[in-house]
Amino acid sequence: MPYTEKDIKIRKLRKEHLDIIEGFKSSTKDLEEFLKEDAFNNQEKLISVTYLVFDLEDNLLAYITLLTDSLIIKEDEELRNYFKEQKVHYSYLPAIKIGRLCVDDRYKRKNIGTLLIKFAIQKAWEINEKCGCRFITIDAKTKVGSEEDPVKFYKKNGFKELITSQKSRETIPMYLDIFIQR
C-alpha cells in the first residue's frame, strides 16, 4: 500500500539519529554509506542538509539530502530561448539540488520517493520566500536496463534532462522548474 503525506514524518538529521541510521539498508551501497558515514558531518560543515523519513511507528524509511546549486541554462537551447523570451538574460539561475535521495530497500515502491520530491519542492518554495530559487536539480545516476531507473523515476515526477555539452555515462543532469509546479 502506498504511503501518503499523513503516513510519514520528515525530520532533519540530528545527532540523536546516528544510532537509528545504522539499520538503514540500500542495495545502492554508496547511498547507504553516505547516510551512515558522511551526511551528519556534511551537515555540520554547512555543505548539505539531510532529512530522514519515518513512518508513524518511527521506522526509518528513506532520506533526502539538499544543498544549493545553480542551473546552467546557457548550454540548453530550449531553456535559454525560454528565458530570453521572458527577458531573463542570465547564464545561471538559482536552484537547490537533491544531492542524495534513497529509500530503504524494505520500503521501495510505496510512493516514498515521490513524497520526497514534493518535500523538496516545498523546501524550494520556502527558500524562495527569502531569496531566489527557481529550480530543483539532480544528477540522476544512469541504470539503463535495471529494475531501478532513476532517470525514469525523475521524469515521471516532472524533471527534464538538461542538455549540456558535458556528457557523462554515469549521471544525467536533470531539473524541475518549481514555477510550473505551483
N, C-alpha and C. Protein backbone atom coordinates (compact mmCIF):
# COMPACT_ATOMS: atom_id res chain seq x y z
N MET A 1 0.84 -1.18 0.00
CA MET A 1 0.00 0.00 0.00
C MET A 1 0.89 1.25 0.00
N PRO A 2 0.62 2.21 -0.88
CA PRO A 2 1.48 3.41 -0.94
C PRO A 2 1.31 4.31 0.29
N TYR A 3 2.41 4.94 0.65
CA TYR A 3 2.39 5.91 1.74
C TYR A 3 1.82 7.23 1.23
N THR A 4 1.20 7.98 2.12
CA THR A 4 0.74 9.34 1.82
C THR A 4 1.46 10.29 2.78
N GLU A 5 1.26 11.57 2.59
CA GLU A 5 1.88 12.56 3.47
C GLU A 5 1.45 12.39 4.92
N LYS A 6 0.25 11.86 5.14
CA LYS A 6 -0.25 11.64 6.51
C LYS A 6 0.43 10.46 7.20
N ASP A 7 1.09 9.59 6.41
CA ASP A 7 1.69 8.37 6.95
C ASP A 7 3.15 8.53 7.33
N ILE A 8 3.74 9.71 7.07
CA ILE A 8 5.18 9.88 7.30
C ILE A 8 5.47 11.14 8.11
N LYS A 9 6.66 11.13 8.71
CA LYS A 9 7.20 12.30 9.39
C LYS A 9 8.58 12.54 8.79
N ILE A 10 8.89 13.78 8.48
CA ILE A 10 10.20 14.11 7.94
C ILE A 10 10.92 14.99 8.96
N ARG A 11 12.11 14.54 9.35
CA ARG A 11 12.88 15.21 10.38
C ARG A 11 14.30 15.48 9.89
N LYS A 12 14.81 16.65 10.23
CA LYS A 12 16.20 16.97 9.91
C LYS A 12 17.11 16.03 10.71
N LEU A 13 18.13 15.51 10.07
CA LEU A 13 19.09 14.63 10.71
C LEU A 13 19.72 15.33 11.91
N ARG A 14 19.70 14.64 13.04
CA ARG A 14 20.28 15.16 14.28
C ARG A 14 21.22 14.10 14.86
N LYS A 15 22.03 14.53 15.79
CA LYS A 15 22.99 13.61 16.43
C LYS A 15 22.28 12.41 17.05
N GLU A 16 21.11 12.61 17.61
CA GLU A 16 20.39 11.51 18.24
C GLU A 16 19.88 10.46 17.24
N HIS A 17 19.94 10.76 15.94
CA HIS A 17 19.53 9.80 14.91
C HIS A 17 20.65 8.87 14.48
N LEU A 18 21.88 9.13 14.91
CA LEU A 18 23.02 8.39 14.39
C LEU A 18 22.93 6.88 14.65
N ASP A 19 22.38 6.48 15.78
CA ASP A 19 22.20 5.05 16.03
C ASP A 19 21.12 4.46 15.13
N ILE A 20 20.07 5.19 14.89
CA ILE A 20 18.95 4.72 14.08
C ILE A 20 19.38 4.47 12.63
N ILE A 21 20.21 5.35 12.09
CA ILE A 21 20.58 5.21 10.67
C ILE A 21 21.45 3.98 10.41
N GLU A 22 22.02 3.40 11.45
CA GLU A 22 22.83 2.19 11.26
C GLU A 22 22.00 1.03 10.70
N GLY A 23 20.69 1.04 10.94
CA GLY A 23 19.83 -0.03 10.43
C GLY A 23 19.33 0.19 9.02
N PHE A 24 19.70 1.31 8.40
CA PHE A 24 19.24 1.63 7.04
C PHE A 24 19.91 0.70 6.04
N LYS A 25 19.13 0.15 5.11
CA LYS A 25 19.66 -0.80 4.12
C LYS A 25 19.29 -0.36 2.70
N SER A 26 20.31 -0.31 1.85
CA SER A 26 20.09 0.00 0.45
C SER A 26 20.99 -0.87 -0.41
N SER A 27 20.44 -1.36 -1.50
CA SER A 27 21.26 -2.12 -2.44
C SER A 27 22.23 -1.21 -3.18
N THR A 28 21.99 0.09 -3.14
CA THR A 28 22.92 1.08 -3.70
C THR A 28 23.84 1.49 -2.55
N LYS A 29 24.96 0.79 -2.45
CA LYS A 29 25.84 0.91 -1.28
C LYS A 29 26.38 2.31 -1.06
N ASP A 30 26.67 3.06 -2.14
CA ASP A 30 27.21 4.40 -1.92
C ASP A 30 26.17 5.32 -1.26
N LEU A 31 24.87 5.10 -1.53
CA LEU A 31 23.83 5.90 -0.87
C LEU A 31 23.69 5.51 0.60
N GLU A 32 23.81 4.22 0.88
CA GLU A 32 23.77 3.76 2.27
C GLU A 32 24.98 4.29 3.04
N GLU A 33 26.16 4.20 2.44
CA GLU A 33 27.38 4.67 3.09
C GLU A 33 27.36 6.17 3.32
N PHE A 34 26.81 6.93 2.36
CA PHE A 34 26.73 8.37 2.55
C PHE A 34 25.94 8.70 3.81
N LEU A 35 24.78 8.08 3.96
CA LEU A 35 23.95 8.35 5.13
C LEU A 35 24.69 8.01 6.42
N LYS A 36 25.34 6.88 6.45
CA LYS A 36 25.98 6.40 7.67
C LYS A 36 27.31 7.07 7.97
N GLU A 37 28.03 7.51 6.92
CA GLU A 37 29.40 8.00 7.12
C GLU A 37 29.59 9.49 6.89
N ASP A 38 28.78 10.10 6.01
CA ASP A 38 29.06 11.48 5.60
C ASP A 38 27.95 12.49 5.86
N ALA A 39 26.71 12.07 5.91
CA ALA A 39 25.59 13.01 5.95
C ALA A 39 25.68 13.97 7.13
N PHE A 40 25.90 13.44 8.32
CA PHE A 40 25.93 14.30 9.51
C PHE A 40 27.14 15.24 9.48
N ASN A 41 28.30 14.72 9.08
CA ASN A 41 29.49 15.57 9.00
C ASN A 41 29.31 16.69 7.97
N ASN A 42 28.73 16.36 6.81
CA ASN A 42 28.49 17.40 5.81
C ASN A 42 27.55 18.47 6.34
N GLN A 43 26.57 18.03 7.09
CA GLN A 43 25.61 18.97 7.67
C GLN A 43 26.30 19.90 8.67
N GLU A 44 27.15 19.34 9.51
CA GLU A 44 27.88 20.17 10.49
C GLU A 44 28.81 21.17 9.81
N LYS A 45 29.30 20.82 8.61
CA LYS A 45 30.20 21.71 7.87
C LYS A 45 29.44 22.66 6.93
N LEU A 46 28.10 22.66 7.02
CA LEU A 46 27.22 23.53 6.23
C LEU A 46 27.32 23.25 4.73
N ILE A 47 27.56 22.00 4.37
CA ILE A 47 27.65 21.60 2.96
C ILE A 47 26.30 21.17 2.43
N SER A 48 25.56 20.43 3.23
CA SER A 48 24.24 19.93 2.83
C SER A 48 23.41 19.68 4.07
N VAL A 49 22.12 19.47 3.87
CA VAL A 49 21.21 19.12 4.95
C VAL A 49 20.49 17.85 4.57
N THR A 50 20.47 16.89 5.49
CA THR A 50 19.80 15.62 5.25
C THR A 50 18.55 15.53 6.12
N TYR A 51 17.49 15.05 5.48
CA TYR A 51 16.21 14.85 6.16
C TYR A 51 15.88 13.36 6.13
N LEU A 52 15.43 12.87 7.28
CA LEU A 52 15.06 11.46 7.41
C LEU A 52 13.55 11.33 7.35
N VAL A 53 13.09 10.25 6.76
CA VAL A 53 11.66 9.98 6.64
C VAL A 53 11.33 8.79 7.53
N PHE A 54 10.37 9.00 8.44
CA PHE A 54 9.92 7.96 9.35
C PHE A 54 8.45 7.68 9.11
N ASP A 55 8.04 6.44 9.38
CA ASP A 55 6.60 6.16 9.40
C ASP A 55 6.09 6.52 10.78
N LEU A 56 4.82 6.30 11.03
CA LEU A 56 4.23 6.71 12.30
C LEU A 56 4.70 5.85 13.47
N GLU A 57 5.33 4.70 13.17
CA GLU A 57 5.91 3.85 14.23
C GLU A 57 7.40 4.12 14.40
N ASP A 58 7.90 5.18 13.79
CA ASP A 58 9.30 5.59 13.87
C ASP A 58 10.28 4.65 13.18
N ASN A 59 9.83 3.92 12.16
CA ASN A 59 10.74 3.15 11.32
C ASN A 59 11.34 4.10 10.30
N LEU A 60 12.65 4.03 10.12
CA LEU A 60 13.34 4.86 9.14
C LEU A 60 13.09 4.30 7.75
N LEU A 61 12.44 5.10 6.88
CA LEU A 61 12.04 4.65 5.55
C LEU A 61 12.98 5.13 4.45
N ALA A 62 13.49 6.35 4.59
CA ALA A 62 14.23 6.97 3.48
C ALA A 62 14.95 8.21 3.98
N TYR A 63 15.71 8.81 3.07
CA TYR A 63 16.31 10.10 3.37
C TYR A 63 16.48 10.88 2.07
N ILE A 64 16.61 12.21 2.24
CA ILE A 64 16.90 13.11 1.14
C ILE A 64 17.92 14.12 1.64
N THR A 65 18.89 14.44 0.79
CA THR A 65 19.90 15.44 1.14
C THR A 65 19.78 16.59 0.14
N LEU A 66 19.70 17.81 0.66
CA LEU A 66 19.54 19.01 -0.17
C LEU A 66 20.73 19.94 0.03
N LEU A 67 21.10 20.65 -1.03
CA LEU A 67 22.16 21.64 -0.98
C LEU A 67 21.89 22.70 -2.05
N THR A 68 22.62 23.78 -2.01
CA THR A 68 22.42 24.84 -3.00
C THR A 68 23.09 24.46 -4.31
N ASP A 69 22.59 25.08 -5.39
CA ASP A 69 23.10 24.79 -6.72
C ASP A 69 22.71 25.95 -7.62
N SER A 70 23.11 25.88 -8.86
CA SER A 70 22.62 26.79 -9.88
C SER A 70 22.44 25.98 -11.16
N LEU A 71 21.46 26.37 -11.92
CA LEU A 71 21.18 25.68 -13.18
C LEU A 71 21.85 26.48 -14.30
N ILE A 72 22.72 25.82 -15.05
CA ILE A 72 23.42 26.47 -16.15
C ILE A 72 22.51 26.37 -17.37
N ILE A 73 21.94 27.51 -17.76
CA ILE A 73 20.99 27.47 -18.87
C ILE A 73 21.61 27.85 -20.21
N LYS A 74 22.83 28.37 -20.17
CA LYS A 74 23.42 28.87 -21.41
C LYS A 74 23.66 27.77 -22.44
N GLU A 75 23.83 26.52 -22.01
CA GLU A 75 24.09 25.43 -22.96
C GLU A 75 22.81 24.74 -23.44
N ASP A 76 21.72 24.91 -22.72
CA ASP A 76 20.46 24.26 -23.09
C ASP A 76 19.65 25.26 -23.92
N GLU A 77 19.58 25.01 -25.22
CA GLU A 77 18.95 25.96 -26.14
C GLU A 77 17.49 26.24 -25.80
N GLU A 78 16.74 25.20 -25.46
CA GLU A 78 15.33 25.38 -25.12
C GLU A 78 15.16 26.29 -23.89
N LEU A 79 15.94 26.03 -22.84
CA LEU A 79 15.87 26.87 -21.64
C LEU A 79 16.35 28.29 -21.93
N ARG A 80 17.45 28.40 -22.65
CA ARG A 80 18.00 29.72 -22.96
C ARG A 80 16.97 30.56 -23.73
N ASN A 81 16.34 29.96 -24.73
CA ASN A 81 15.34 30.68 -25.52
C ASN A 81 14.11 31.04 -24.70
N TYR A 82 13.67 30.12 -23.84
CA TYR A 82 12.51 30.39 -23.00
C TYR A 82 12.76 31.61 -22.12
N PHE A 83 13.92 31.63 -21.45
CA PHE A 83 14.19 32.75 -20.55
C PHE A 83 14.51 34.04 -21.30
N LYS A 84 15.06 33.91 -22.50
CA LYS A 84 15.28 35.10 -23.32
C LYS A 84 13.94 35.76 -23.65
N GLU A 85 12.93 34.94 -23.98
CA GLU A 85 11.58 35.45 -24.24
C GLU A 85 10.99 36.13 -23.00
N GLN A 86 11.37 35.65 -21.82
CA GLN A 86 10.89 36.22 -20.56
C GLN A 86 11.74 37.43 -20.13
N LYS A 87 12.69 37.81 -20.98
CA LYS A 87 13.61 38.92 -20.72
C LYS A 87 14.51 38.66 -19.50
N VAL A 88 14.89 37.40 -19.33
CA VAL A 88 15.85 36.99 -18.31
C VAL A 88 17.10 36.56 -19.06
N HIS A 89 18.19 37.32 -18.88
CA HIS A 89 19.40 37.11 -19.67
C HIS A 89 20.58 36.64 -18.82
N TYR A 90 20.36 35.67 -17.98
CA TYR A 90 21.42 35.14 -17.14
C TYR A 90 21.86 33.78 -17.68
N SER A 91 23.11 33.44 -17.43
CA SER A 91 23.63 32.13 -17.83
C SER A 91 23.34 31.07 -16.79
N TYR A 92 23.15 31.51 -15.54
CA TYR A 92 22.89 30.61 -14.42
C TYR A 92 21.66 31.10 -13.68
N LEU A 93 20.84 30.16 -13.20
CA LEU A 93 19.67 30.53 -12.39
C LEU A 93 19.69 29.73 -11.09
N PRO A 94 19.15 30.30 -10.00
CA PRO A 94 19.26 29.68 -8.68
C PRO A 94 18.44 28.39 -8.55
N ALA A 95 19.02 27.45 -7.79
CA ALA A 95 18.38 26.14 -7.61
C ALA A 95 18.79 25.54 -6.28
N ILE A 96 18.03 24.55 -5.87
CA ILE A 96 18.51 23.65 -4.83
C ILE A 96 18.71 22.30 -5.51
N LYS A 97 19.63 21.56 -4.98
CA LYS A 97 19.98 20.27 -5.58
C LYS A 97 19.62 19.14 -4.62
N ILE A 98 19.04 18.11 -5.18
CA ILE A 98 18.87 16.87 -4.44
C ILE A 98 20.21 16.14 -4.59
N GLY A 99 21.01 16.20 -3.55
CA GLY A 99 22.32 15.56 -3.59
C GLY A 99 22.21 14.05 -3.47
N ARG A 100 21.27 13.61 -2.66
CA ARG A 100 21.01 12.18 -2.47
C ARG A 100 19.53 12.01 -2.17
N LEU A 101 18.97 10.93 -2.66
CA LEU A 101 17.62 10.51 -2.31
C LEU A 101 17.64 8.99 -2.32
N CYS A 102 17.27 8.39 -1.20
CA CYS A 102 17.34 6.93 -1.12
C CYS A 102 16.23 6.41 -0.21
N VAL A 103 15.57 5.37 -0.68
CA VAL A 103 14.54 4.68 0.10
C VAL A 103 15.13 3.35 0.55
N ASP A 104 14.95 3.03 1.82
CA ASP A 104 15.39 1.74 2.35
C ASP A 104 14.77 0.64 1.49
N ASP A 105 15.56 -0.37 1.18
CA ASP A 105 15.10 -1.47 0.30
C ASP A 105 13.78 -2.08 0.76
N ARG A 106 13.54 -2.11 2.05
CA ARG A 106 12.32 -2.74 2.57
C ARG A 106 11.07 -1.92 2.30
N TYR A 107 11.23 -0.66 1.86
CA TYR A 107 10.08 0.23 1.69
C TYR A 107 9.96 0.79 0.27
N LYS A 108 10.67 0.21 -0.67
CA LYS A 108 10.63 0.71 -2.06
C LYS A 108 9.28 0.45 -2.70
N ARG A 109 8.99 1.27 -3.70
CA ARG A 109 7.77 1.17 -4.49
C ARG A 109 6.51 1.39 -3.66
N LYS A 110 6.64 2.32 -2.70
CA LYS A 110 5.50 2.65 -1.84
C LYS A 110 5.25 4.15 -1.83
N ASN A 111 5.67 4.85 -2.90
CA ASN A 111 5.40 6.27 -3.09
C ASN A 111 6.28 7.20 -2.25
N ILE A 112 7.25 6.66 -1.52
CA ILE A 112 8.07 7.48 -0.64
C ILE A 112 8.97 8.43 -1.44
N GLY A 113 9.57 7.95 -2.52
CA GLY A 113 10.42 8.81 -3.35
C GLY A 113 9.65 10.00 -3.90
N THR A 114 8.43 9.76 -4.36
CA THR A 114 7.59 10.85 -4.88
C THR A 114 7.24 11.83 -3.78
N LEU A 115 6.97 11.34 -2.58
CA LEU A 115 6.71 12.23 -1.45
C LEU A 115 7.93 13.09 -1.13
N LEU A 116 9.13 12.53 -1.31
CA LEU A 116 10.35 13.31 -1.07
C LEU A 116 10.55 14.38 -2.14
N ILE A 117 10.15 14.10 -3.37
CA ILE A 117 10.21 15.14 -4.42
C ILE A 117 9.28 16.29 -4.02
N LYS A 118 8.08 15.98 -3.56
CA LYS A 118 7.14 17.02 -3.10
C LYS A 118 7.73 17.81 -1.94
N PHE A 119 8.43 17.12 -1.05
CA PHE A 119 9.09 17.78 0.07
C PHE A 119 10.16 18.75 -0.44
N ALA A 120 10.95 18.32 -1.42
CA ALA A 120 11.99 19.19 -1.99
C ALA A 120 11.37 20.42 -2.65
N ILE A 121 10.25 20.23 -3.32
CA ILE A 121 9.55 21.37 -3.94
C ILE A 121 9.09 22.34 -2.85
N GLN A 122 8.54 21.81 -1.78
CA GLN A 122 8.10 22.64 -0.66
C GLN A 122 9.29 23.43 -0.08
N LYS A 123 10.43 22.76 0.09
CA LYS A 123 11.62 23.45 0.62
C LYS A 123 12.09 24.55 -0.34
N ALA A 124 12.02 24.28 -1.64
CA ALA A 124 12.42 25.29 -2.63
C ALA A 124 11.52 26.52 -2.52
N TRP A 125 10.22 26.31 -2.34
CA TRP A 125 9.31 27.45 -2.17
C TRP A 125 9.60 28.20 -0.88
N GLU A 126 9.94 27.49 0.19
CA GLU A 126 10.30 28.15 1.45
C GLU A 126 11.55 29.00 1.27
N ILE A 127 12.54 28.47 0.59
CA ILE A 127 13.76 29.22 0.31
C ILE A 127 13.43 30.45 -0.52
N ASN A 128 12.54 30.27 -1.49
CA ASN A 128 12.17 31.35 -2.39
C ASN A 128 11.51 32.52 -1.66
N GLU A 129 10.98 32.29 -0.47
CA GLU A 129 10.41 33.38 0.32
C GLU A 129 11.50 34.32 0.84
N LYS A 130 12.73 33.83 0.94
CA LYS A 130 13.83 34.63 1.49
C LYS A 130 14.86 35.05 0.44
N CYS A 131 15.04 34.21 -0.57
CA CYS A 131 15.95 34.53 -1.67
C CYS A 131 15.53 33.71 -2.89
N GLY A 132 15.97 34.10 -4.06
CA GLY A 132 15.52 33.45 -5.28
C GLY A 132 15.89 31.98 -5.36
N CYS A 133 14.96 31.20 -5.87
CA CYS A 133 15.19 29.78 -6.11
C CYS A 133 14.15 29.31 -7.11
N ARG A 134 14.54 29.00 -8.32
CA ARG A 134 13.59 28.68 -9.38
C ARG A 134 13.53 27.19 -9.70
N PHE A 135 14.62 26.46 -9.45
CA PHE A 135 14.71 25.08 -9.91
C PHE A 135 15.14 24.12 -8.80
N ILE A 136 14.84 22.86 -9.05
CA ILE A 136 15.43 21.76 -8.30
C ILE A 136 16.26 20.98 -9.32
N THR A 137 17.48 20.67 -8.95
CA THR A 137 18.36 19.93 -9.85
C THR A 137 18.73 18.59 -9.23
N ILE A 138 19.17 17.71 -10.09
CA ILE A 138 19.65 16.40 -9.65
C ILE A 138 20.59 15.86 -10.71
N ASP A 139 21.58 15.12 -10.29
CA ASP A 139 22.40 14.35 -11.22
C ASP A 139 21.95 12.90 -11.05
N ALA A 140 21.04 12.48 -11.91
CA ALA A 140 20.45 11.14 -11.79
C ALA A 140 21.43 10.09 -12.29
N LYS A 141 21.67 9.10 -11.47
CA LYS A 141 22.57 8.00 -11.88
C LYS A 141 21.88 7.17 -12.95
N THR A 142 22.64 6.81 -13.95
CA THR A 142 22.08 6.00 -15.03
C THR A 142 22.17 4.53 -14.67
N LYS A 143 21.03 3.87 -14.78
CA LYS A 143 20.95 2.43 -14.54
C LYS A 143 20.06 1.84 -15.63
N VAL A 144 20.39 2.10 -16.88
CA VAL A 144 19.59 1.65 -18.00
C VAL A 144 19.48 0.13 -17.97
N GLY A 145 18.25 -0.36 -18.14
CA GLY A 145 18.02 -1.79 -18.15
C GLY A 145 17.85 -2.38 -16.76
N SER A 146 18.12 -1.59 -15.73
CA SER A 146 17.98 -2.05 -14.37
C SER A 146 16.51 -1.95 -13.95
N GLU A 147 16.13 -2.73 -12.95
CA GLU A 147 14.79 -2.64 -12.40
C GLU A 147 14.54 -1.25 -11.83
N GLU A 148 15.60 -0.65 -11.28
CA GLU A 148 15.53 0.71 -10.77
C GLU A 148 16.16 1.64 -11.80
N ASP A 149 15.39 2.57 -12.30
CA ASP A 149 15.90 3.52 -13.28
C ASP A 149 15.64 4.93 -12.75
N PRO A 150 16.63 5.54 -12.09
CA PRO A 150 16.43 6.87 -11.52
C PRO A 150 15.98 7.91 -12.54
N VAL A 151 16.53 7.88 -13.75
CA VAL A 151 16.15 8.86 -14.76
C VAL A 151 14.65 8.75 -15.05
N LYS A 152 14.17 7.55 -15.22
CA LYS A 152 12.74 7.32 -15.48
C LYS A 152 11.90 7.81 -14.29
N PHE A 153 12.34 7.52 -13.07
CA PHE A 153 11.64 7.97 -11.86
C PHE A 153 11.52 9.50 -11.84
N TYR A 154 12.64 10.19 -12.09
CA TYR A 154 12.60 11.66 -12.03
C TYR A 154 11.75 12.23 -13.17
N LYS A 155 11.82 11.65 -14.34
CA LYS A 155 10.96 12.11 -15.44
C LYS A 155 9.48 11.95 -15.07
N LYS A 156 9.15 10.82 -14.45
CA LYS A 156 7.78 10.59 -14.01
C LYS A 156 7.33 11.66 -13.03
N ASN A 157 8.28 12.23 -12.29
CA ASN A 157 7.97 13.27 -11.30
C ASN A 157 8.20 14.69 -11.83
N GLY A 158 8.25 14.84 -13.15
CA GLY A 158 8.27 16.17 -13.77
C GLY A 158 9.62 16.73 -14.12
N PHE A 159 10.69 16.02 -13.85
CA PHE A 159 12.03 16.52 -14.19
C PHE A 159 12.29 16.35 -15.68
N LYS A 160 13.13 17.23 -16.20
CA LYS A 160 13.57 17.17 -17.59
C LYS A 160 15.08 17.03 -17.62
N GLU A 161 15.57 16.40 -18.68
CA GLU A 161 17.02 16.31 -18.85
C GLU A 161 17.56 17.67 -19.25
N LEU A 162 18.69 18.04 -18.68
CA LEU A 162 19.37 19.27 -19.04
C LEU A 162 20.32 18.94 -20.17
N ILE A 163 20.20 19.66 -21.25
CA ILE A 163 21.07 19.43 -22.41
C ILE A 163 22.36 20.22 -22.20
N THR A 164 23.46 19.50 -22.06
CA THR A 164 24.76 20.15 -21.88
C THR A 164 25.77 19.52 -22.81
N SER A 165 26.89 20.19 -22.97
CA SER A 165 27.95 19.64 -23.81
C SER A 165 28.76 18.59 -23.06
N GLN A 166 28.67 18.60 -21.74
CA GLN A 166 29.41 17.62 -20.94
C GLN A 166 28.57 16.36 -20.79
N LYS A 167 28.97 15.32 -21.44
CA LYS A 167 28.24 14.05 -21.39
C LYS A 167 28.92 13.11 -20.41
N SER A 168 28.14 12.49 -19.58
CA SER A 168 28.64 11.50 -18.64
C SER A 168 27.82 10.24 -18.80
N ARG A 169 28.46 9.13 -18.71
CA ARG A 169 27.74 7.87 -18.78
C ARG A 169 27.17 7.49 -17.41
N GLU A 170 27.66 8.13 -16.37
CA GLU A 170 27.25 7.76 -15.02
C GLU A 170 26.07 8.55 -14.50
N THR A 171 25.96 9.82 -14.88
CA THR A 171 24.86 10.65 -14.39
C THR A 171 24.25 11.48 -15.52
N ILE A 172 22.98 11.79 -15.36
CA ILE A 172 22.25 12.66 -16.28
C ILE A 172 21.80 13.88 -15.49
N PRO A 173 22.26 15.08 -15.84
CA PRO A 173 21.77 16.27 -15.13
C PRO A 173 20.31 16.51 -15.50
N MET A 174 19.49 16.76 -14.48
CA MET A 174 18.06 16.96 -14.69
C MET A 174 17.62 18.16 -13.85
N TYR A 175 16.45 18.72 -14.22
CA TYR A 175 15.93 19.86 -13.48
C TYR A 175 14.41 19.83 -13.45
N LEU A 176 13.88 20.51 -12.46
CA LEU A 176 12.44 20.69 -12.30
C LEU A 176 12.21 22.17 -12.06
N ASP A 177 11.36 22.79 -12.85
CA ASP A 177 11.03 24.20 -12.70
C ASP A 177 9.89 24.31 -11.69
N ILE A 178 10.18 24.83 -10.49
CA ILE A 178 9.13 24.89 -9.47
C ILE A 178 8.06 25.91 -9.80
N PHE A 179 8.37 26.87 -10.66
CA PHE A 179 7.37 27.86 -11.07
C PHE A 179 6.20 27.17 -11.77
N ILE A 180 6.51 26.14 -12.53
CA ILE A 180 5.48 25.38 -13.25
C ILE A 180 4.72 24.46 -12.29
N GLN A 181 5.33 24.08 -11.17
CA GLN A 181 4.74 23.13 -10.24
C GLN A 181 3.70 23.73 -9.30
N ARG A 182 3.58 25.04 -9.27
CA ARG A 182 2.65 25.60 -8.27
C ARG A 182 1.22 25.51 -8.68
